[in-house]
Amino acid sequence: MKITALEIAEKHNGTVEGDENILLTSLAKIQDAKKGSLSFLGHPKYNSFILSTKASAVLVSENFKIKNSEETTLIRVKDPYGTFNSLLIEKSNQKEKDNTGIHHTAIIDFSAEIASDVFIGPYVVIGAKTKIYSGVHIHSHCHIGSDINIGKDTLLHPRVSLMDKTEIGERCILNSGSIVGSEGFGFVKKNRENIKTPHLGKVIVKNDVEIGANTTIDRATLGATIIHDGVKLDNLVQIAHNVEIGSNTVIAAQSGIAGSTKIGENCLIGGQVGIIGHLVLGDNIQIQGQSGIINNIPNGTKIQGTPGFDFKSFYKSYALFKKFPDFESRLRKLEKK
């Protein structure tokens, strides 16, 4: 990274206060920054660091006020954190561009179709009739099964597993240890024996999806498990067979969704949430962390608790619950009288 304060300001519709020609070579948190670093102020609690930071330049909001900032160049932009995030993305993309070619240890079936600019790292295995499109980066020790499609500019970090018939869209990111297309968890009880249900379907992951480290998405019994455009899954999320997740929904770590549940668009689901199977959850819902969902949820609802119910009602009930020991003590005193 080599860029001046002025170049950043011009690119992000900002203005410079200080040395507009100062050269910036790295990105850093404001408290850890050194000479040559660019940092940002995105929260008021960090404002005091502007007086002690060693950063050569700091992204600040358009209305940020400070005295005696001569030692640090300020780049005023509408959204400092958003601008800093854009720079992080650019740096990450440049790093990926430096990876080229197919490593000699990769094992690739002769029937696989691979675009000329795909990067394939050490010890990657690619099965029959798989198609990998332009700009894809597959890092070391990934397992890519048969009859798989991977769309343009998708990134697979090390040790990702894509099982047979999986479809991955464009510009997706799959983090290390994630498994897409694993066998679903289904059994039929017969004479006290659990008879395994074969899962013959597939997983469809559409465009701009991110899948966290060690997250698993099971293939459908029949048909498809579907993850729509823009969905973001944190680490250690479990998506069961035949689940469908609507566009731009975000699910935090350690949450689990049981089979055949449908989740709408633009939902926010906190960490350690459990959702039983065969439910329909609407659009624009919010589920607080550690909630347990056992009923359908209408559009635009905010839920908390186990079993989950309306967020405001939950906190009213919780306020009373905390007072129960006091209520019991007062009641015993009244009974003695």
C-alpha atoms as a PDB file:
ATOM      1  CA  MET A   1       0.000   0.000   0.000  1.00  0.00           C
ATOM      2  CA  LYS A   2       1.392   3.369  -1.078  1.00  0.00           C
ATOM      3  CA  ILE A   3      -1.047   6.266  -1.265  1.00  0.00           C
ATOM      4  CA  THR A   4      -1.126   9.933  -0.246  1.00  0.00           C
ATOM      5  CA  ALA A   5      -3.667  11.636   1.992  1.00  0.00           C
ATOM      6  CA  LEU A   6      -4.828  13.718  -0.971  1.00  0.00           C
ATOM      7  CA  GLU A   7      -5.433  10.636  -3.131  1.00  0.00           C
ATOM      8  CA  ILE A   8      -7.596   9.098  -0.400  1.00  0.00           C
ATOM      9  CA  ALA A   9      -9.555  12.324   0.034  1.00  0.00           C
ATOM     10  CA  GLU A  10     -10.192  12.689  -3.697  1.00  0.00           C
ATOM     11  CA  LYS A  11     -11.280   9.065  -4.017  1.00  0.00           C
ATOM     12  CA  HIS A  12     -13.705   9.248  -1.080  1.00  0.00           C
ATOM     13  CA  ASN A  13     -15.022  12.818  -1.489  1.00  0.00           C
ATOM     14  CA  GLY A  14     -13.100  14.109   1.505  1.00  0.00           C
ATOM     15  CA  THR A  15     -10.870  17.027   2.444  1.00  0.00           C
ATOM     16  CA  VAL A  16      -7.384  17.163   3.964  1.00  0.00           C
ATOM     17  CA  GLU A  17      -6.200  19.199   6.934  1.00  0.00           C
ATOM     18  CA  GLY A  18      -2.425  19.027   7.172  1.00  0.00           C
ATOM     19  CA  ASP A  19       0.131  17.535   4.792  1.00  0.00           C
ATOM     20  CA  GLU A  20      -1.867  16.374   1.794  1.00  0.00           C
ATOM     21  CA  ASN A  21       1.223  14.780   0.204  1.00  0.00           C
ATOM     22  CA  ILE A  22       2.151  12.603   3.172  1.00  0.00           C
ATOM     23  CA  LEU A  23       2.729   9.003   2.053  1.00  0.00           C
ATOM     24  CA  LEU A  24       0.699   6.290   3.774  1.00  0.00           C
ATOM     25  CA  THR A  25       1.941   2.713   3.609  1.00  0.00           C
ATOM     26  CA  SER A  26      -0.186   0.776   6.109  1.00  0.00           C
ATOM     27  CA  LEU A  27      -3.525   0.646   7.943  1.00  0.00           C
ATOM     28  CA  ALA A  28      -3.709   0.474  11.735  1.00  0.00           C
ATOM     29  CA  LYS A  29      -5.855   0.980  14.826  1.00  0.00           C
ATOM     30  CA  ILE A  30      -5.404   4.478  16.156  1.00  0.00           C
ATOM     31  CA  GLN A  31      -3.843   3.361  19.469  1.00  0.00           C
ATOM     32  CA  ASP A  32      -1.323   1.082  17.694  1.00  0.00           C
ATOM     33  CA  ALA A  33      -0.499   3.217  14.663  1.00  0.00           C
ATOM     34  CA  LYS A  34       3.052   4.187  13.703  1.00  0.00           C
ATOM     35  CA  LYS A  35       4.606   6.640  11.287  1.00  0.00           C
ATOM     36  CA  GLY A  36       3.309   5.934   7.792  1.00  0.00           C
ATOM     37  CA  SER A  37       0.042   4.455   9.079  1.00  0.00           C
ATOM     38  CA  LEU A  38      -3.490   5.553   8.263  1.00  0.00           C
ATOM     39  CA  SER A  39      -6.061   5.127  11.032  1.00  0.00           C
ATOM     40  CA  PHE A  40      -9.632   6.271  11.701  1.00  0.00           C
ATOM     41  CA  LEU A  41     -11.927   7.554  14.426  1.00  0.00           C
ATOM     42  CA  GLY A  42     -15.280   5.795  14.254  1.00  0.00           C
ATOM     43  CA  HIS A  43     -16.458   6.058  17.883  1.00  0.00           C
ATOM     44  CA  PRO A  44     -16.313   8.995  20.342  1.00  0.00           C
ATOM     45  CA  LYS A  45     -14.677   6.895  23.082  1.00  0.00           C
ATOM     46  CA  TYR A  46     -11.483   6.770  20.988  1.00  0.00           C
ATOM     47  CA  ASN A  47     -11.351  10.522  20.307  1.00  0.00           C
ATOM     48  CA  SER A  48      -8.691  11.139  22.963  1.00  0.00           C
ATOM     49  CA  PHE A  49      -6.197   9.029  20.982  1.00  0.00           C
ATOM     50  CA  ILE A  50      -6.008  11.754  18.342  1.00  0.00           C
ATOM     51  CA  LEU A  51      -3.666  13.675  20.676  1.00  0.00           C
ATOM     52  CA  SER A  52      -1.267  10.771  21.241  1.00  0.00           C
ATOM     53  CA  THR A  53      -1.446   8.674  18.081  1.00  0.00           C
ATOM     54  CA  LYS A  54       1.660   8.227  15.966  1.00  0.00           C
ATOM     55  CA  ALA A  55      -0.436   7.741  12.814  1.00  0.00           C
ATOM     56  CA  SER A  56       0.613   9.932   9.918  1.00  0.00           C
ATOM     57  CA  ALA A  57      -3.035  10.494   8.989  1.00  0.00           C
ATOM     58  CA  VAL A  58      -6.435   9.797  10.545  1.00  0.00           C
ATOM     59  CA  LEU A  59      -9.843   9.524   8.900  1.00  0.00           C
ATOM     60  CA  VAL A  60     -12.366  11.616  10.851  1.00  0.00           C
ATOM     61  CA  SER A  61     -15.958  12.705  10.302  1.00  0.00           C
ATOM     62  CA  GLU A  62     -16.762  15.970   8.540  1.00  0.00           C
ATOM     63  CA  ASN A  63     -17.911  17.609  11.805  1.00  0.00           C
ATOM     64  CA  PHE A  64     -15.094  16.296  14.037  1.00  0.00           C
ATOM     65  CA  LYS A  65     -13.657  19.057  16.250  1.00  0.00           C
ATOM     66  CA  ILE A  66     -10.170  19.158  17.749  1.00  0.00           C
ATOM     67  CA  LYS A  67      -7.529  21.636  18.851  1.00  0.00           C
ATOM     68  CA  ASN A  68      -3.779  21.410  18.243  1.00  0.00           C
ATOM     69  CA  SER A  69      -3.776  18.554  15.699  1.00  0.00           C
ATOM     70  CA  GLU A  70      -0.800  19.909  13.722  1.00  0.00           C
ATOM     71  CA  GLU A  71       1.233  16.705  14.094  1.00  0.00           C
ATOM     72  CA  THR A  72      -1.404  14.451  12.525  1.00  0.00           C
ATOM     73  CA  THR A  73      -2.978  14.976   9.123  1.00  0.00           C
ATOM     74  CA  LEU A  74      -6.766  14.738   9.210  1.00  0.00           C
ATOM     75  CA  ILE A  75      -8.784  13.383   6.281  1.00  0.00           C
ATOM     76  CA  ARG A  76     -12.388  14.465   6.729  1.00  0.00           C
ATOM     77  CA  VAL A  77     -14.963  12.138   5.148  1.00  0.00           C
ATOM     78  CA  LYS A  78     -18.668  11.459   5.617  1.00  0.00           C
ATOM     79  CA  ASP A  79     -18.147   7.948   7.061  1.00  0.00           C
ATOM     80  CA  PRO A  80     -14.656   7.310   8.508  1.00  0.00           C
ATOM     81  CA  TYR A  81     -15.246   3.648   9.339  1.00  0.00           C
ATOM     82  CA  GLY A  82     -16.869   2.947   5.969  1.00  0.00           C
ATOM     83  CA  THR A  83     -13.949   4.587   4.175  1.00  0.00           C
ATOM     84  CA  PHE A  84     -11.416   2.646   6.254  1.00  0.00           C
ATOM     85  CA  ASN A  85     -13.290  -0.587   5.521  1.00  0.00           C
ATOM     86  CA  SER A  86     -13.142   0.175   1.786  1.00  0.00           C
ATOM     87  CA  LEU A  87      -9.370   0.538   2.074  1.00  0.00           C
ATOM     88  CA  LEU A  88      -9.149  -2.770   3.937  1.00  0.00           C
ATOM     89  CA  ILE A  89     -11.100  -4.440   1.118  1.00  0.00           C
ATOM     90  CA  GLU A  90      -8.783  -2.950  -1.495  1.00  0.00           C
ATOM     91  CA  LYS A  91      -5.725  -4.189   0.390  1.00  0.00           C
ATOM     92  CA  SER A  92      -7.211  -7.681   0.764  1.00  0.00           C
ATOM     93  CA  ASN A  93      -8.119  -7.846  -2.935  1.00  0.00           C
ATOM     94  CA  GLN A  94      -4.619  -6.801  -3.926  1.00  0.00           C
ATOM     95  CA  LYS A  95      -3.161  -9.545  -1.749  1.00  0.00           C
ATOM     96  CA  GLU A  96      -5.325 -12.142  -3.516  1.00  0.00           C
ATOM     97  CA  LYS A  97      -4.246 -10.843  -6.928  1.00  0.00           C
ATOM     98  CA  ASP A  98      -0.679 -11.704  -6.000  1.00  0.00           C
ATOM     99  CA  ASN A  99      -1.679 -15.399  -5.911  1.00  0.00           C
ATOM    100  CA  THR A 100      -1.544 -16.943  -9.371  1.00  0.00           C
ATOM    101  CA  GLY A 101      -1.376 -20.296 -11.112  1.00  0.00           C
ATOM    102  CA  ILE A 102      -2.028 -23.910 -10.123  1.00  0.00           C
ATOM    103  CA  HIS A 103       0.264 -25.538  -7.590  1.00  0.00           C
ATOM    104  CA  HIS A 104       1.967 -28.712  -8.789  1.00  0.00           C
ATOM    105  CA  THR A 105       0.598 -30.734  -5.832  1.00  0.00           C
ATOM    106  CA  ALA A 106      -3.051 -30.074  -6.736  1.00  0.00           C
ATOM    107  CA  ILE A 107      -5.035 -33.120  -7.905  1.00  0.00           C
ATOM    108  CA  ILE A 108      -7.547 -32.172 -10.610  1.00  0.00           C
ATOM    109  CA  ASP A 109      -9.835 -34.540 -12.512  1.00  0.00           C
ATOM    110  CA  PHE A 110      -9.300 -34.363 -16.274  1.00  0.00           C
ATOM    111  CA  SER A 111     -12.989 -33.525 -16.853  1.00  0.00           C
ATOM    112  CA  ALA A 112     -12.947 -30.412 -14.642  1.00  0.00           C
ATOM    113  CA  GLU A 113     -13.277 -27.059 -16.442  1.00  0.00           C
ATOM    114  CA  ILE A 114     -11.103 -24.347 -14.907  1.00  0.00           C
ATOM    115  CA  ALA A 115     -10.713 -20.752 -16.141  1.00  0.00           C
ATOM    116  CA  SER A 116      -7.199 -19.689 -17.084  1.00  0.00           C
ATOM    117  CA  ASP A 117      -6.801 -17.130 -14.267  1.00  0.00           C
ATOM    118  CA  VAL A 118      -7.959 -19.359 -11.379  1.00  0.00           C
ATOM    119  CA  PHE A 119      -5.553 -19.757  -8.458  1.00  0.00           C
ATOM    120  CA  ILE A 120      -5.337 -23.254  -6.937  1.00  0.00           C
ATOM    121  CA  GLY A 121      -3.069 -23.750  -3.930  1.00  0.00           C
ATOM    122  CA  PRO A 122      -1.129 -26.744  -2.608  1.00  0.00           C
ATOM    123  CA  TYR A 123      -2.853 -30.110  -2.087  1.00  0.00           C
ATOM    124  CA  VAL A 124      -6.245 -29.025  -3.417  1.00  0.00           C
ATOM    125  CA  VAL A 125      -8.436 -31.865  -4.769  1.00  0.00           C
ATOM    126  CA  ILE A 126     -10.991 -31.165  -7.524  1.00  0.00           C
ATOM    127  CA  GLY A 127     -13.440 -33.811  -8.719  1.00  0.00           C
ATOM    128  CA  ALA A 128     -15.074 -34.711 -12.014  1.00  0.00           C
ATOM    129  CA  LYS A 129     -17.259 -32.365 -14.096  1.00  0.00           C
ATOM    130  CA  THR A 130     -16.620 -29.426 -11.800  1.00  0.00           C
ATOM    131  CA  LYS A 131     -16.630 -25.911 -13.317  1.00  0.00           C
ATOM    132  CA  ILE A 132     -14.583 -23.105 -11.803  1.00  0.00           C
ATOM    133  CA  TYR A 133     -14.994 -19.658 -13.321  1.00  0.00           C
ATOM    134  CA  SER A 134     -12.706 -16.651 -13.738  1.00  0.00           C
ATOM    135  CA  GLY A 135     -11.042 -14.999 -10.761  1.00  0.00           C
ATOM    136  CA  VAL A 136     -11.636 -17.818  -8.263  1.00  0.00           C
ATOM    137  CA  HIS A 137      -8.996 -18.345  -5.560  1.00  0.00           C
ATOM    138  CA  ILE A 138      -8.808 -21.756  -3.868  1.00  0.00           C
ATOM    139  CA  HIS A 139      -6.254 -22.043  -1.080  1.00  0.00           C
ATOM    140  CA  SER A 140      -4.419 -25.076   0.250  1.00  0.00           C
ATOM    141  CA  HIS A 141      -5.992 -28.388   1.263  1.00  0.00           C
ATOM    142  CA  CYS A 142      -9.485 -27.587  -0.051  1.00  0.00           C
ATOM    143  CA  HIS A 143     -11.650 -30.506  -1.180  1.00  0.00           C
ATOM    144  CA  ILE A 144     -13.860 -29.752  -4.191  1.00  0.00           C
ATOM    145  CA  GLY A 145     -16.142 -32.645  -5.120  1.00  0.00           C
ATOM    146  CA  SER A 146     -17.785 -33.595  -8.397  1.00  0.00           C
ATOM    147  CA  ASP A 147     -20.472 -31.712 -10.369  1.00  0.00           C
ATOM    148  CA  ILE A 148     -19.707 -28.442  -8.578  1.00  0.00           C
ATOM    149  CA  ASN A 149     -19.966 -24.890  -9.945  1.00  0.00           C
ATOM    150  CA  ILE A 150     -17.935 -22.056  -8.393  1.00  0.00           C
ATOM    151  CA  GLY A 151     -18.796 -18.571  -9.708  1.00  0.00           C
ATOM    152  CA  LYS A 152     -16.501 -15.698 -10.629  1.00  0.00           C
ATOM    153  CA  ASP A 153     -14.202 -14.067  -8.058  1.00  0.00           C
ATOM    154  CA  THR A 154     -15.141 -16.411  -5.222  1.00  0.00           C
ATOM    155  CA  LEU A 155     -12.550 -17.031  -2.502  1.00  0.00           C
ATOM    156  CA  LEU A 156     -12.029 -20.324  -0.653  1.00  0.00           C
ATOM    157  CA  HIS A 157      -9.713 -20.120   2.337  1.00  0.00           C
ATOM    158  CA  PRO A 158      -7.681 -23.213   3.352  1.00  0.00           C
ATOM    159  CA  ARG A 159      -9.423 -26.504   4.177  1.00  0.00           C
ATOM    160  CA  VAL A 160     -12.861 -25.673   2.797  1.00  0.00           C
ATOM    161  CA  SER A 161     -14.887 -28.717   1.704  1.00  0.00           C
ATOM    162  CA  LEU A 162     -17.500 -28.566  -1.065  1.00  0.00           C
ATOM    163  CA  MET A 163     -19.362 -31.827  -1.432  1.00  0.00           C
ATOM    164  CA  ASP A 164     -20.842 -33.169  -4.697  1.00  0.00           C
ATOM    165  CA  LYS A 165     -23.426 -31.108  -6.638  1.00  0.00           C
ATOM    166  CA  THR A 166     -22.866 -27.934  -4.643  1.00  0.00           C
ATOM    167  CA  GLU A 167     -23.372 -24.607  -6.424  1.00  0.00           C
ATOM    168  CA  ILE A 168     -21.456 -21.530  -5.252  1.00  0.00           C
ATOM    169  CA  GLY A 169     -22.205 -18.113  -6.747  1.00  0.00           C
ATOM    170  CA  GLU A 170     -20.033 -15.135  -7.584  1.00  0.00           C
ATOM    171  CA  ARG A 171     -17.932 -13.071  -5.141  1.00  0.00           C
ATOM    172  CA  CYS A 172     -18.533 -15.435  -2.228  1.00  0.00           C
ATOM    173  CA  ILE A 173     -16.095 -15.933   0.656  1.00  0.00           C
ATOM    174  CA  LEU A 174     -15.811 -19.320   2.362  1.00  0.00           C
ATOM    175  CA  ASN A 175     -13.640 -19.274   5.464  1.00  0.00           C
ATOM    176  CA  SER A 176     -11.385 -22.058   6.697  1.00  0.00           C
ATOM    177  CA  GLY A 177     -12.994 -25.294   7.798  1.00  0.00           C
ATOM    178  CA  SER A 178     -16.434 -24.544   6.367  1.00  0.00           C
ATOM    179  CA  ILE A 179     -18.286 -27.487   4.833  1.00  0.00           C
ATOM    180  CA  VAL A 180     -21.004 -27.035   2.225  1.00  0.00           C
ATOM    181  CA  GLY A 181     -23.094 -30.005   1.118  1.00  0.00           C
ATOM    182  CA  SER A 182     -22.493 -32.298   4.066  1.00  0.00           C
ATOM    183  CA  GLU A 183     -24.895 -35.154   4.813  1.00  0.00           C
ATOM    184  CA  GLY A 184     -28.056 -34.036   6.601  1.00  0.00           C
ATOM    185  CA  PHE A 185     -29.086 -35.332  10.023  1.00  0.00           C
ATOM    186  CA  GLY A 186     -32.186 -37.452   9.464  1.00  0.00           C
ATOM    187  CA  PHE A 187     -33.330 -40.840  10.747  1.00  0.00           C
ATOM    188  CA  VAL A 188     -36.477 -42.967  10.777  1.00  0.00           C
ATOM    189  CA  LYS A 189     -37.268 -44.985  13.906  1.00  0.00           C
ATOM    190  CA  LYS A 190     -37.996 -48.647  13.185  1.00  0.00           C
ATOM    191  CA  ASN A 191     -38.091 -51.369  15.826  1.00  0.00           C
ATOM    192  CA  ARG A 192     -36.006 -49.201  18.177  1.00  0.00           C
ATOM    193  CA  GLU A 193     -33.392 -48.791  15.473  1.00  0.00           C
ATOM    194  CA  ASN A 194     -32.513 -45.457  13.861  1.00  0.00           C
ATOM    195  CA  ILE A 195     -32.539 -45.943  10.088  1.00  0.00           C
ATOM    196  CA  LYS A 196     -30.542 -43.255   8.288  1.00  0.00           C
ATOM    197  CA  THR A 197     -32.368 -41.129   5.693  1.00  0.00           C
ATOM    198  CA  PRO A 198     -30.270 -40.635   2.535  1.00  0.00           C
ATOM    199  CA  HIS A 199     -29.823 -37.006   1.488  1.00  0.00           C
ATOM    200  CA  LEU A 200     -29.774 -36.893  -2.304  1.00  0.00           C
ATOM    201  CA  GLY A 201     -30.290 -33.154  -2.833  1.00  0.00           C
ATOM    202  CA  LYS A 202     -27.772 -30.320  -3.018  1.00  0.00           C
ATOM    203  CA  VAL A 203     -26.845 -26.866  -1.700  1.00  0.00           C
ATOM    204  CA  ILE A 204     -27.219 -23.669  -3.710  1.00  0.00           C
ATOM    205  CA  VAL A 205     -25.248 -20.677  -2.436  1.00  0.00           C
ATOM    206  CA  LYS A 206     -25.987 -17.556  -4.474  1.00  0.00           C
ATOM    207  CA  ASN A 207     -23.904 -14.380  -4.978  1.00  0.00           C
ATOM    208  CA  ASP A 208     -22.011 -12.266  -2.405  1.00  0.00           C
ATOM    209  CA  VAL A 209     -22.459 -14.768   0.419  1.00  0.00           C
ATOM    210  CA  GLU A 210     -19.932 -15.135   3.237  1.00  0.00           C
ATOM    211  CA  ILE A 211     -19.650 -18.395   5.184  1.00  0.00           C
ATOM    212  CA  GLY A 212     -17.712 -18.340   8.461  1.00  0.00           C
ATOM    213  CA  ALA A 213     -15.011 -20.692   9.696  1.00  0.00           C
ATOM    214  CA  ASN A 214     -16.246 -24.186  10.647  1.00  0.00           C
ATOM    215  CA  THR A 215     -19.785 -23.407   9.548  1.00  0.00           C
ATOM    216  CA  THR A 216     -21.710 -26.317   8.018  1.00  0.00           C
ATOM    217  CA  ILE A 217     -24.514 -26.277   5.464  1.00  0.00           C
ATOM    218  CA  ASP A 218     -26.214 -29.642   4.884  1.00  0.00           C
ATOM    219  CA  ARG A 219     -27.494 -30.732   1.513  1.00  0.00           C
ATOM    220  CA  ALA A 220     -31.209 -31.324   1.066  1.00  0.00           C
ATOM    221  CA  THR A 221     -32.949 -34.667   1.394  1.00  0.00           C
ATOM    222  CA  LEU A 222     -34.448 -33.884  -2.009  1.00  0.00           C
ATOM    223  CA  GLY A 223     -34.302 -30.545  -3.807  1.00  0.00           C
ATOM    224  CA  ALA A 224     -31.949 -27.925  -2.390  1.00  0.00           C
ATOM    225  CA  THR A 225     -30.822 -26.086   0.694  1.00  0.00           C
ATOM    226  CA  ILE A 226     -30.684 -22.458  -0.527  1.00  0.00           C
ATOM    227  CA  ILE A 227     -28.638 -19.507   0.724  1.00  0.00           C
ATOM    228  CA  HIS A 228     -29.726 -16.370  -1.149  1.00  0.00           C
ATOM    229  CA  ASP A 229     -27.723 -13.308  -2.259  1.00  0.00           C
ATOM    230  CA  GLY A 230     -25.826 -11.327   0.341  1.00  0.00           C
ATOM    231  CA  VAL A 231     -26.324 -13.676   3.299  1.00  0.00           C
ATOM    232  CA  LYS A 232     -23.570 -13.484   5.943  1.00  0.00           C
ATOM    233  CA  LEU A 233     -22.981 -16.469   8.227  1.00  0.00           C
ATOM    234  CA  ASP A 234     -20.614 -16.196  11.184  1.00  0.00           C
ATOM    235  CA  ASN A 235     -18.306 -18.947  12.446  1.00  0.00           C
ATOM    236  CA  LEU A 236     -19.757 -22.200  13.820  1.00  0.00           C
ATOM    237  CA  VAL A 237     -23.238 -21.828  12.343  1.00  0.00           C
ATOM    238  CA  GLN A 238     -25.238 -24.983  11.526  1.00  0.00           C
ATOM    239  CA  ILE A 239     -27.690 -24.891   8.603  1.00  0.00           C
ATOM    240  CA  ALA A 240     -29.666 -28.130   8.277  1.00  0.00           C
ATOM    241  CA  HIS A 241     -31.135 -29.849   5.214  1.00  0.00           C
ATOM    242  CA  ASN A 242     -33.710 -28.011   3.063  1.00  0.00           C
ATOM    243  CA  VAL A 243     -33.344 -24.728   4.973  1.00  0.00           C
ATOM    244  CA  GLU A 244     -33.789 -21.545   2.916  1.00  0.00           C
ATOM    245  CA  ILE A 245     -32.296 -18.223   4.022  1.00  0.00           C
ATOM    246  CA  GLY A 246     -33.452 -14.995   2.367  1.00  0.00           C
ATOM    247  CA  SER A 247     -31.265 -12.284   0.870  1.00  0.00           C
ATOM    248  CA  ASN A 248     -29.035 -10.142   3.115  1.00  0.00           C
ATOM    249  CA  THR A 249     -29.857 -12.002   6.323  1.00  0.00           C
ATOM    250  CA  VAL A 250     -27.056 -12.069   8.911  1.00  0.00           C
ATOM    251  CA  ILE A 251     -26.597 -14.920  11.429  1.00  0.00           C
ATOM    252  CA  ALA A 252     -24.081 -14.699  14.298  1.00  0.00           C
ATOM    253  CA  ALA A 253     -21.875 -17.476  15.692  1.00  0.00           C
ATOM    254  CA  GLN A 254     -23.035 -20.753  17.232  1.00  0.00           C
ATOM    255  CA  SER A 255     -26.596 -20.494  15.935  1.00  0.00           C
ATOM    256  CA  GLY A 256     -28.375 -23.545  14.572  1.00  0.00           C
ATOM    257  CA  ILE A 257     -31.325 -23.892  12.204  1.00  0.00           C
ATOM    258  CA  ALA A 258     -33.147 -27.204  11.979  1.00  0.00           C
ATOM    259  CA  GLY A 259     -34.405 -28.797   8.767  1.00  0.00           C
ATOM    260  CA  SER A 260     -36.868 -27.241   6.300  1.00  0.00           C
ATOM    261  CA  THR A 261     -37.171 -23.878   8.084  1.00  0.00           C
ATOM    262  CA  LYS A 262     -37.544 -20.827   5.833  1.00  0.00           C
ATOM    263  CA  ILE A 263     -36.022 -17.503   6.933  1.00  0.00           C
ATOM    264  CA  GLY A 264     -36.899 -14.248   5.192  1.00  0.00           C
ATOM    265  CA  GLU A 265     -34.863 -11.341   3.866  1.00  0.00           C
ATOM    266  CA  ASN A 266     -32.884  -8.729   5.817  1.00  0.00           C
ATOM    267  CA  CYS A 267     -33.095 -10.578   9.135  1.00  0.00           C
ATOM    268  CA  LEU A 268     -30.649 -10.211  12.037  1.00  0.00           C
ATOM    269  CA  ILE A 269     -30.121 -13.357  14.122  1.00  0.00           C
ATOM    270  CA  GLY A 270     -27.873 -13.145  17.187  1.00  0.00           C
ATOM    271  CA  GLY A 271     -25.384 -15.659  18.515  1.00  0.00           C
ATOM    272  CA  GLN A 272     -26.365 -19.017  20.028  1.00  0.00           C
ATOM    273  CA  VAL A 273     -29.908 -18.865  18.655  1.00  0.00           C
ATOM    274  CA  GLY A 274     -31.698 -22.181  18.160  1.00  0.00           C
ATOM    275  CA  ILE A 275     -34.505 -22.502  15.599  1.00  0.00           C
ATOM    276  CA  ILE A 276     -36.561 -25.684  15.309  1.00  0.00           C
ATOM    277  CA  GLY A 277     -37.528 -27.223  11.983  1.00  0.00           C
ATOM    278  CA  HIS A 278     -40.380 -26.552   9.554  1.00  0.00           C
ATOM    279  CA  LEU A 279     -40.947 -22.935  10.616  1.00  0.00           C
ATOM    280  CA  VAL A 280     -41.519 -19.836   8.493  1.00  0.00           C
ATOM    281  CA  LEU A 281     -39.726 -16.708   9.699  1.00  0.00           C
ATOM    282  CA  GLY A 282     -40.673 -13.438   8.007  1.00  0.00           C
ATOM    283  CA  ASP A 283     -38.651 -10.587   6.514  1.00  0.00           C
ATOM    284  CA  ASN A 284     -36.872  -7.911   8.584  1.00  0.00           C
ATOM    285  CA  ILE A 285     -37.071  -9.813  11.862  1.00  0.00           C
ATOM    286  CA  GLN A 286     -34.538  -9.554  14.677  1.00  0.00           C
ATOM    287  CA  ILE A 287     -33.788 -12.406  17.073  1.00  0.00           C
ATOM    288  CA  GLN A 288     -31.713 -11.600  20.155  1.00  0.00           C
ATOM    289  CA  GLY A 289     -28.819 -13.863  21.167  1.00  0.00           C
ATOM    290  CA  GLN A 290     -29.462 -17.161  22.986  1.00  0.00           C
ATOM    291  CA  SER A 291     -33.130 -17.216  22.005  1.00  0.00           C
ATOM    292  CA  GLY A 292     -35.011 -20.426  21.224  1.00  0.00           C
ATOM    293  CA  ILE A 293     -37.536 -20.183  18.388  1.00  0.00           C
ATOM    294  CA  ILE A 294     -40.379 -22.728  18.280  1.00  0.00           C
ATOM    295  CA  ASN A 295     -43.097 -20.803  16.389  1.00  0.00           C
ATOM    296  CA  ASN A 296     -43.474 -18.967  13.094  1.00  0.00           C
ATOM    297  CA  ILE A 297     -42.499 -15.274  13.244  1.00  0.00           C
ATOM    298  CA  PRO A 298     -44.291 -12.526  11.254  1.00  0.00           C
ATOM    299  CA  ASN A 299     -42.494  -9.797   9.309  1.00  0.00           C
ATOM    300  CA  GLY A 300     -40.724  -7.049  11.233  1.00  0.00           C
ATOM    301  CA  THR A 301     -40.869  -8.716  14.659  1.00  0.00           C
ATOM    302  CA  LYS A 302     -38.197  -8.422  17.365  1.00  0.00           C
ATOM    303  CA  ILE A 303     -37.875 -11.593  19.477  1.00  0.00           C
ATOM    304  CA  GLN A 304     -36.046 -12.676  22.617  1.00  0.00           C
ATOM    305  CA  GLY A 305     -36.146 -15.550  25.108  1.00  0.00           C
ATOM    306  CA  THR A 306     -36.710 -19.304  25.173  1.00  0.00           C
ATOM    307  CA  PRO A 307     -39.275 -19.950  23.920  1.00  0.00           C
ATOM    308  CA  GLY A 308     -38.950 -16.674  22.053  1.00  0.00           C
ATOM    309  CA  PHE A 309     -41.578 -13.960  22.218  1.00  0.00           C
ATOM    310  CA  ASP A 310     -41.911 -10.206  21.708  1.00  0.00           C
ATOM    311  CA  PHE A 311     -38.784  -8.304  22.773  1.00  0.00           C
ATOM    312  CA  LYS A 312     -40.610  -5.601  24.794  1.00  0.00           C
ATOM    313  CA  SER A 313     -42.810  -8.156  26.539  1.00  0.00           C
ATOM    314  CA  PHE A 314     -39.715 -10.200  27.357  1.00  0.00           C
ATOM    315  CA  TYR A 315     -38.057  -7.316  29.180  1.00  0.00           C
ATOM    316  CA  LYS A 316     -41.227  -6.428  31.078  1.00  0.00           C
ATOM    317  CA  SER A 317     -41.446 -10.052  32.214  1.00  0.00           C
ATOM    318  CA  TYR A 318     -37.747 -10.156  33.039  1.00  0.00           C
ATOM    319  CA  ALA A 319     -38.049  -7.034  35.193  1.00  0.00           C
ATOM    320  CA  LEU A 320     -40.671  -8.842  37.285  1.00  0.00           C
ATOM    321  CA  PHE A 321     -38.714 -12.103  37.324  1.00  0.00           C
ATOM    322  CA  LYS A 322     -35.693 -10.395  38.918  1.00  0.00           C
ATOM    323  CA  LYS A 323     -37.927  -9.178  41.750  1.00  0.00           C
ATOM    324  CA  PHE A 324     -39.428 -12.602  42.609  1.00  0.00           C
ATOM    325  CA  PRO A 325     -37.076 -13.258  45.575  1.00  0.00           C
ATOM    326  CA  ASP A 326     -38.126  -9.929  47.085  1.00  0.00           C
ATOM    327  CA  PHE A 327     -41.793 -10.703  46.404  1.00  0.00           C
ATOM    328  CA  GLU A 328     -41.429 -14.069  48.134  1.00  0.00           C
ATOM    329  CA  SER A 329     -39.777 -12.475  51.185  1.00  0.00           C
ATOM    330  CA  ARG A 330     -42.506  -9.867  51.502  1.00  0.00           C
ATOM    331  CA  LEU A 331     -45.201 -12.515  51.062  1.00  0.00           C
ATOM    332  CA  ARG A 332     -43.746 -14.659  53.889  1.00  0.00           C
ATOM    333  CA  LYS A 333     -43.725 -11.626  56.189  1.00  0.00           C
ATOM    334  CA  LEU A 334     -47.362 -10.956  55.358  1.00  0.00           C
ATOM    335  CA  GLU A 335     -48.296 -14.616  56.000  1.00  0.00           C
ATOM    336  CA  LYS A 336     -46.646 -14.480  59.458  1.00  0.00           C
ATOM    337  CA  LYS A 337     -48.690 -11.397  60.340  1.00  0.00           C
END
